[in-house]
Amino acid sequence: MPRQQFRHIPGLFLDTDYFAPDQCSQLVRQSLALYERLETAVGGAEGSLETAHIPQPAYVRSAEHNLKSEEHFARVALTEEDQRTIRCEYFPRYGEDGHALAYFQRNANLPDFVARDLAPGVHGLVASEGFVAPDQELPAPALVTHPPLALCL
């Protein structure tokens, strides 16, 4: 399938051939492993979750996109394979049951697999479209969702 662009969402691309099927499978496995690590770190500590203050300006409100619930998160530190510590804000329930979101601020906090396996390919695509210079870093943050339908840089 050729790459698709969406006129009403500038900068959104869909390229089902960008990663090989085995790369996609590996990214999903790594995302699920990250989800399990985050869940273990939070450990069902509902009482220690902080309330998120997510602005909802009138111009973005809609029945389809507005968060209908007050969101809560935990500040989580994880140790990566090289003993590097990364930090994120983890929303164990985001918007509705079965959805979670991890917000990694700054490139230094990207999980190893995102920095190693995902970011270079995304950078190449973004640079080829002229959104960043080839030698320019992608802006952080990174969002990782569960189910692993989106890894957004």
C-alpha atoms as a PDB file:
ATOM      1  CA  MET A   1       0.000   0.000   0.000  1.00  0.00           C
ATOM      2  CA  PRO A   2       1.447   3.409  -0.880  1.00  0.00           C
ATOM      3  CA  ARG A   3       1.903   5.977   1.831  1.00  0.00           C
ATOM      4  CA  GLN A   4      -1.277   7.886   2.582  1.00  0.00           C
ATOM      5  CA  GLN A   5      -1.538  11.453   3.747  1.00  0.00           C
ATOM      6  CA  PHE A   6      -4.582  13.068   5.296  1.00  0.00           C
ATOM      7  CA  ARG A   7      -5.372  16.611   4.153  1.00  0.00           C
ATOM      8  CA  HIS A   8      -7.383  17.413   7.272  1.00  0.00           C
ATOM      9  CA  ILE A   9      -4.492  16.302   9.545  1.00  0.00           C
ATOM     10  CA  PRO A  10      -1.254  17.817   8.204  1.00  0.00           C
ATOM     11  CA  GLY A  11       1.797  15.771   9.150  1.00  0.00           C
ATOM     12  CA  LEU A  12      -0.103  12.482   9.624  1.00  0.00           C
ATOM     13  CA  PHE A  13       1.177   9.688   7.403  1.00  0.00           C
ATOM     14  CA  LEU A  14       0.161   6.056   7.056  1.00  0.00           C
ATOM     15  CA  ASP A  15       2.747   3.799   5.455  1.00  0.00           C
ATOM     16  CA  THR A  16       1.956   0.144   6.073  1.00  0.00           C
ATOM     17  CA  ASP A  17       5.175  -0.893   4.302  1.00  0.00           C
ATOM     18  CA  TYR A  18       7.544   1.361   6.281  1.00  0.00           C
ATOM     19  CA  PHE A  19       8.483  -1.352   8.779  1.00  0.00           C
ATOM     20  CA  ALA A  20       8.758  -4.983   7.742  1.00  0.00           C
ATOM     21  CA  PRO A  21       6.202  -7.332   9.345  1.00  0.00           C
ATOM     22  CA  ASP A  22       8.836  -8.841  11.667  1.00  0.00           C
ATOM     23  CA  GLN A  23       9.845  -5.337  12.804  1.00  0.00           C
ATOM     24  CA  CYS A  24       6.198  -4.497  13.516  1.00  0.00           C
ATOM     25  CA  SER A  25       5.815  -7.718  15.520  1.00  0.00           C
ATOM     26  CA  GLN A  26       8.951  -6.909  17.505  1.00  0.00           C
ATOM     27  CA  LEU A  27       7.717  -3.355  18.244  1.00  0.00           C
ATOM     28  CA  VAL A  28       4.379  -4.719  19.475  1.00  0.00           C
ATOM     29  CA  ARG A  29       6.144  -7.302  21.697  1.00  0.00           C
ATOM     30  CA  GLN A  30       8.424  -4.609  23.128  1.00  0.00           C
ATOM     31  CA  SER A  31       5.458  -2.290  23.713  1.00  0.00           C
ATOM     32  CA  LEU A  32       3.593  -5.032  25.575  1.00  0.00           C
ATOM     33  CA  ALA A  33       6.694  -5.750  27.677  1.00  0.00           C
ATOM     34  CA  LEU A  34       6.958  -2.027  28.498  1.00  0.00           C
ATOM     35  CA  TYR A  35       3.277  -2.020  29.485  1.00  0.00           C
ATOM     36  CA  GLU A  36       3.876  -4.942  31.864  1.00  0.00           C
ATOM     37  CA  ARG A  37       6.872  -3.158  33.408  1.00  0.00           C
ATOM     38  CA  LEU A  38       4.788  -0.011  33.934  1.00  0.00           C
ATOM     39  CA  GLU A  39       1.900  -1.964  35.460  1.00  0.00           C
ATOM     40  CA  THR A  40       4.307  -3.743  37.802  1.00  0.00           C
ATOM     41  CA  ALA A  41       5.918  -0.441  38.810  1.00  0.00           C
ATOM     42  CA  VAL A  42       2.547   1.116  39.634  1.00  0.00           C
ATOM     43  CA  GLY A  43       1.350  -2.088  41.306  1.00  0.00           C
ATOM     44  CA  GLY A  44      -2.295  -1.090  41.556  1.00  0.00           C
ATOM     45  CA  ALA A  45      -1.429   1.858  43.808  1.00  0.00           C
ATOM     46  CA  GLU A  46      -4.623   3.764  43.057  1.00  0.00           C
ATOM     47  CA  GLY A  47      -4.171   5.912  46.162  1.00  0.00           C
ATOM     48  CA  SER A  48      -0.795   7.249  45.027  1.00  0.00           C
ATOM     49  CA  LEU A  49      -1.953   8.465  41.627  1.00  0.00           C
ATOM     50  CA  GLU A  50      -1.846  12.190  40.920  1.00  0.00           C
ATOM     51  CA  THR A  51      -4.663  14.041  39.204  1.00  0.00           C
ATOM     52  CA  ALA A  52      -3.760  15.257  35.729  1.00  0.00           C
ATOM     53  CA  HIS A  53      -4.670  18.768  34.713  1.00  0.00           C
ATOM     54  CA  ILE A  54      -5.426  18.357  31.017  1.00  0.00           C
ATOM     55  CA  PRO A  55      -6.727  21.558  29.448  1.00  0.00           C
ATOM     56  CA  GLN A  56      -9.795  21.083  27.293  1.00  0.00           C
ATOM     57  CA  PRO A  57     -10.181  24.294  25.255  1.00  0.00           C
ATOM     58  CA  ALA A  58     -13.630  24.850  23.760  1.00  0.00           C
ATOM     59  CA  TYR A  59     -12.302  24.638  20.187  1.00  0.00           C
ATOM     60  CA  VAL A  60     -11.204  20.990  20.621  1.00  0.00           C
ATOM     61  CA  ARG A  61     -14.222  19.747  22.543  1.00  0.00           C
ATOM     62  CA  SER A  62     -16.279  17.079  20.833  1.00  0.00           C
ATOM     63  CA  ALA A  63     -18.218  14.019  21.891  1.00  0.00           C
ATOM     64  CA  GLU A  64     -15.695  11.825  20.042  1.00  0.00           C
ATOM     65  CA  HIS A  65     -12.454  13.347  21.354  1.00  0.00           C
ATOM     66  CA  ASN A  66     -13.092  14.991  24.699  1.00  0.00           C
ATOM     67  CA  LEU A  67     -11.931  13.134  27.793  1.00  0.00           C
ATOM     68  CA  LYS A  68     -15.032  12.424  29.801  1.00  0.00           C
ATOM     69  CA  SER A  69     -13.185  11.446  32.969  1.00  0.00           C
ATOM     70  CA  GLU A  70     -10.659  12.975  35.311  1.00  0.00           C
ATOM     71  CA  GLU A  71      -7.317  11.354  34.492  1.00  0.00           C
ATOM     72  CA  HIS A  72      -4.776  10.139  37.046  1.00  0.00           C
ATOM     73  CA  PHE A  73      -1.133   9.220  36.631  1.00  0.00           C
ATOM     74  CA  ALA A  74       1.880   7.918  38.509  1.00  0.00           C
ATOM     75  CA  ARG A  75       5.429   9.166  38.119  1.00  0.00           C
ATOM     76  CA  VAL A  76       7.422   6.064  37.232  1.00  0.00           C
ATOM     77  CA  ALA A  77      11.163   5.379  36.992  1.00  0.00           C
ATOM     78  CA  LEU A  78      12.264   2.310  35.041  1.00  0.00           C
ATOM     79  CA  THR A  79      15.719   0.813  34.612  1.00  0.00           C
ATOM     80  CA  GLU A  80      16.691  -0.077  31.057  1.00  0.00           C
ATOM     81  CA  GLU A  81      19.026  -2.906  29.951  1.00  0.00           C
ATOM     82  CA  ASP A  82      22.141  -0.720  30.259  1.00  0.00           C
ATOM     83  CA  GLN A  83      21.108   0.312  33.807  1.00  0.00           C
ATOM     84  CA  ARG A  84      20.003   3.724  32.524  1.00  0.00           C
ATOM     85  CA  THR A  85      17.037   5.142  34.433  1.00  0.00           C
ATOM     86  CA  ILE A  86      14.167   6.586  32.420  1.00  0.00           C
ATOM     87  CA  ARG A  87      11.187   8.477  33.806  1.00  0.00           C
ATOM     88  CA  CYS A  88       7.631   8.910  32.617  1.00  0.00           C
ATOM     89  CA  GLU A  89       4.136   9.847  33.670  1.00  0.00           C
ATOM     90  CA  TYR A  90       2.018   6.724  33.406  1.00  0.00           C
ATOM     91  CA  PHE A  91      -1.779   6.810  33.130  1.00  0.00           C
ATOM     92  CA  PRO A  92      -2.879   3.233  33.933  1.00  0.00           C
ATOM     93  CA  ARG A  93      -6.409   4.055  32.766  1.00  0.00           C
ATOM     94  CA  TYR A  94      -6.659   6.762  30.131  1.00  0.00           C
ATOM     95  CA  GLY A  95     -10.075   7.795  28.862  1.00  0.00           C
ATOM     96  CA  GLU A  96     -11.711   4.405  29.285  1.00  0.00           C
ATOM     97  CA  ASP A  97     -11.046   0.927  30.627  1.00  0.00           C
ATOM     98  CA  GLY A  98      -8.438  -1.026  28.678  1.00  0.00           C
ATOM     99  CA  HIS A  99      -6.463   2.040  27.573  1.00  0.00           C
ATOM    100  CA  ALA A 100      -3.223   3.235  29.150  1.00  0.00           C
ATOM    101  CA  LEU A 101      -0.747   5.934  28.204  1.00  0.00           C
ATOM    102  CA  ALA A 102       2.892   6.565  29.103  1.00  0.00           C
ATOM    103  CA  TYR A 103       4.350  10.016  28.517  1.00  0.00           C
ATOM    104  CA  PHE A 104       8.164  10.091  28.218  1.00  0.00           C
ATOM    105  CA  GLN A 105       9.526  13.636  28.257  1.00  0.00           C
ATOM    106  CA  ARG A 106      12.827  14.416  26.525  1.00  0.00           C
ATOM    107  CA  ASN A 107      14.806  12.035  24.368  1.00  0.00           C
ATOM    108  CA  ALA A 108      16.961  10.962  27.329  1.00  0.00           C
ATOM    109  CA  ASN A 109      13.872   9.228  28.757  1.00  0.00           C
ATOM    110  CA  LEU A 110      12.966   7.189  25.688  1.00  0.00           C
ATOM    111  CA  PRO A 111      12.840   3.438  26.324  1.00  0.00           C
ATOM    112  CA  ASP A 112      15.763   1.618  24.681  1.00  0.00           C
ATOM    113  CA  PHE A 113      13.637  -0.025  21.992  1.00  0.00           C
ATOM    114  CA  VAL A 114      11.999   3.274  21.017  1.00  0.00           C
ATOM    115  CA  ALA A 115      15.347   5.077  20.719  1.00  0.00           C
ATOM    116  CA  ARG A 116      17.023   2.148  18.961  1.00  0.00           C
ATOM    117  CA  ASP A 117      14.317   0.595  16.782  1.00  0.00           C
ATOM    118  CA  LEU A 118      11.646   3.221  16.199  1.00  0.00           C
ATOM    119  CA  ALA A 119      13.037   6.749  16.392  1.00  0.00           C
ATOM    120  CA  PRO A 120      15.625   6.414  13.574  1.00  0.00           C
ATOM    121  CA  GLY A 121      12.985   5.248  11.080  1.00  0.00           C
ATOM    122  CA  VAL A 122      10.497   7.895  12.151  1.00  0.00           C
ATOM    123  CA  HIS A 123      13.261  10.521  11.961  1.00  0.00           C
ATOM    124  CA  GLY A 124      14.063   9.460   8.402  1.00  0.00           C
ATOM    125  CA  LEU A 125      10.439   9.823   7.344  1.00  0.00           C
ATOM    126  CA  VAL A 126       9.984  13.168   9.104  1.00  0.00           C
ATOM    127  CA  ALA A 127      13.245  14.502   7.606  1.00  0.00           C
ATOM    128  CA  SER A 128      12.314  13.284   4.113  1.00  0.00           C
ATOM    129  CA  GLU A 129       9.096  15.299   4.374  1.00  0.00           C
ATOM    130  CA  GLY A 130      11.042  18.419   5.402  1.00  0.00           C
ATOM    131  CA  PHE A 131       9.628  18.717   8.914  1.00  0.00           C
ATOM    132  CA  VAL A 132      13.117  18.559  10.457  1.00  0.00           C
ATOM    133  CA  ALA A 133      16.627  18.853   9.050  1.00  0.00           C
ATOM    134  CA  PRO A 134      18.447  15.516   8.593  1.00  0.00           C
ATOM    135  CA  ASP A 135      20.820  16.379  11.459  1.00  0.00           C
ATOM    136  CA  GLN A 136      18.082  17.752  13.762  1.00  0.00           C
ATOM    137  CA  GLU A 137      16.788  15.692  16.702  1.00  0.00           C
ATOM    138  CA  LEU A 138      13.125  14.813  16.803  1.00  0.00           C
ATOM    139  CA  PRO A 139      11.337  16.843  19.430  1.00  0.00           C
ATOM    140  CA  ALA A 140      10.286  14.934  22.521  1.00  0.00           C
ATOM    141  CA  PRO A 141       7.993  13.791  24.118  1.00  0.00           C
ATOM    142  CA  ALA A 142       7.137  10.260  23.153  1.00  0.00           C
ATOM    143  CA  LEU A 143       3.787   8.703  23.898  1.00  0.00           C
ATOM    144  CA  VAL A 144       3.335   4.960  24.136  1.00  0.00           C
ATOM    145  CA  THR A 145      -0.216   3.684  24.362  1.00  0.00           C
ATOM    146  CA  HIS A 146      -1.807   0.404  25.352  1.00  0.00           C
ATOM    147  CA  PRO A 147      -3.164  -1.402  23.444  1.00  0.00           C
ATOM    148  CA  PRO A 148       0.011  -0.796  21.411  1.00  0.00           C
ATOM    149  CA  LEU A 149      -1.741   0.855  18.505  1.00  0.00           C
ATOM    150  CA  ALA A 150       0.308   4.014  18.639  1.00  0.00           C
ATOM    151  CA  LEU A 151       3.892   4.826  19.332  1.00  0.00           C
ATOM    152  CA  CYS A 152       4.026   8.543  18.770  1.00  0.00           C
ATOM    153  CA  LEU A 153       7.137  10.654  18.750  1.00  0.00           C
END
